[in-house]
Amino acid sequence: MDNSEIKVLERSVDQLLGLVQRLERENGSLRTREAELLAERGHLIEKTEKARARVEAIITRLKAMEKES
């Protein structure tokens, strides 16, 4: 292997290392974003369940009032 082939190989390895580092950073960012979205989803599910319970309670009260009249 001559010197020019080694230089080409070194450049290729450097490019691959750079790509690996960029992908590791991107992966970390995506994992952080995923965790944030999962937490937000949990919060929204909780809010939805509370709202559903309130609406069901209102419906129950309205039906009770309807029977009384």
Protein backbone atom coordinates (compact mmCIF):
# COMPACT_ATOMS: atom_id res chain seq x y z
CA MET A 1 0.00 0.00 0.00
CA ASP A 2 1.57 3.27 -1.05
CA ASN A 3 1.37 6.62 0.71
CA SER A 4 -1.51 8.02 -1.40
CA GLU A 5 -3.66 4.97 -0.68
CA ILE A 6 -3.00 5.38 3.03
CA LYS A 7 -4.00 9.07 2.83
CA VAL A 8 -7.25 8.14 1.06
CA LEU A 9 -7.95 5.52 3.69
CA GLU A 10 -7.19 8.01 6.49
CA ARG A 11 -9.62 10.52 4.97
CA SER A 12 -12.29 7.86 4.69
CA VAL A 13 -11.80 6.83 8.32
CA ASP A 14 -11.91 10.49 9.44
CA GLN A 15 -15.15 11.01 7.51
CA LEU A 16 -16.67 7.92 9.06
CA LEU A 17 -15.65 9.03 12.54
CA GLY A 18 -17.22 12.42 11.92
CA LEU A 19 -20.39 10.77 10.72
CA VAL A 20 -20.51 8.48 13.76
CA GLN A 21 -20.10 11.47 16.10
CA ARG A 22 -22.84 13.42 14.31
CA LEU A 23 -25.20 10.44 14.41
CA GLU A 24 -24.49 9.88 18.12
CA ARG A 25 -25.38 13.51 18.86
CA GLU A 26 -28.50 13.28 16.72
CA ASN A 27 -29.50 10.02 18.40
CA GLY A 28 -29.09 11.64 21.83
CA SER A 29 -31.26 14.56 20.77
CA LEU A 30 -33.91 12.24 19.41
CA ARG A 31 -33.95 10.17 22.59
CA THR A 32 -34.35 13.33 24.67
CA ARG A 33 -37.19 14.52 22.44
CA GLU A 34 -38.84 11.10 22.65
CA ALA A 35 -38.74 11.23 26.46
CA GLU A 36 -40.25 14.73 26.41
CA LEU A 37 -43.03 13.65 24.06
CA LEU A 38 -43.80 10.56 26.13
CA ALA A 39 -44.08 12.71 29.25
CA GLU A 40 -46.35 15.16 27.43
CA ARG A 41 -48.46 12.27 26.14
CA GLY A 42 -48.89 10.96 29.67
CA HIS A 43 -49.96 14.39 30.86
CA LEU A 44 -52.45 14.75 28.01
CA ILE A 45 -53.90 11.30 28.65
CA GLU A 46 -54.37 12.24 32.30
CA LYS A 47 -56.09 15.51 31.36
CA THR A 48 -58.34 13.69 28.91
CA GLU A 49 -59.36 11.14 31.53
CA LYS A 50 -60.18 13.90 34.03
CA ALA A 51 -62.25 15.74 31.43
CA ARG A 52 -64.06 12.52 30.50
CA ALA A 53 -64.89 11.88 34.15
CA ARG A 54 -66.24 15.42 34.55
CA VAL A 55 -68.40 15.10 31.43
CA GLU A 56 -69.73 11.74 32.57
CA ALA A 57 -70.58 13.23 35.98
CA ILE A 58 -72.43 16.12 34.29
CA ILE A 59 -74.37 13.70 32.10
CA THR A 60 -75.31 11.64 35.15
CA ARG A 61 -76.53 14.75 36.98
CA LEU A 62 -78.53 15.89 33.95
CA LYS A 63 -80.20 12.50 33.62
CA ALA A 64 -81.04 12.57 37.35
CA MET A 65 -82.52 16.05 36.98
CA GLU A 66 -84.51 14.92 33.95
CA LYS A 67 -86.05 12.03 35.92
CA GLU A 68 -87.01 14.38 38.77
CA SER A 69 -88.96 16.71 36.51
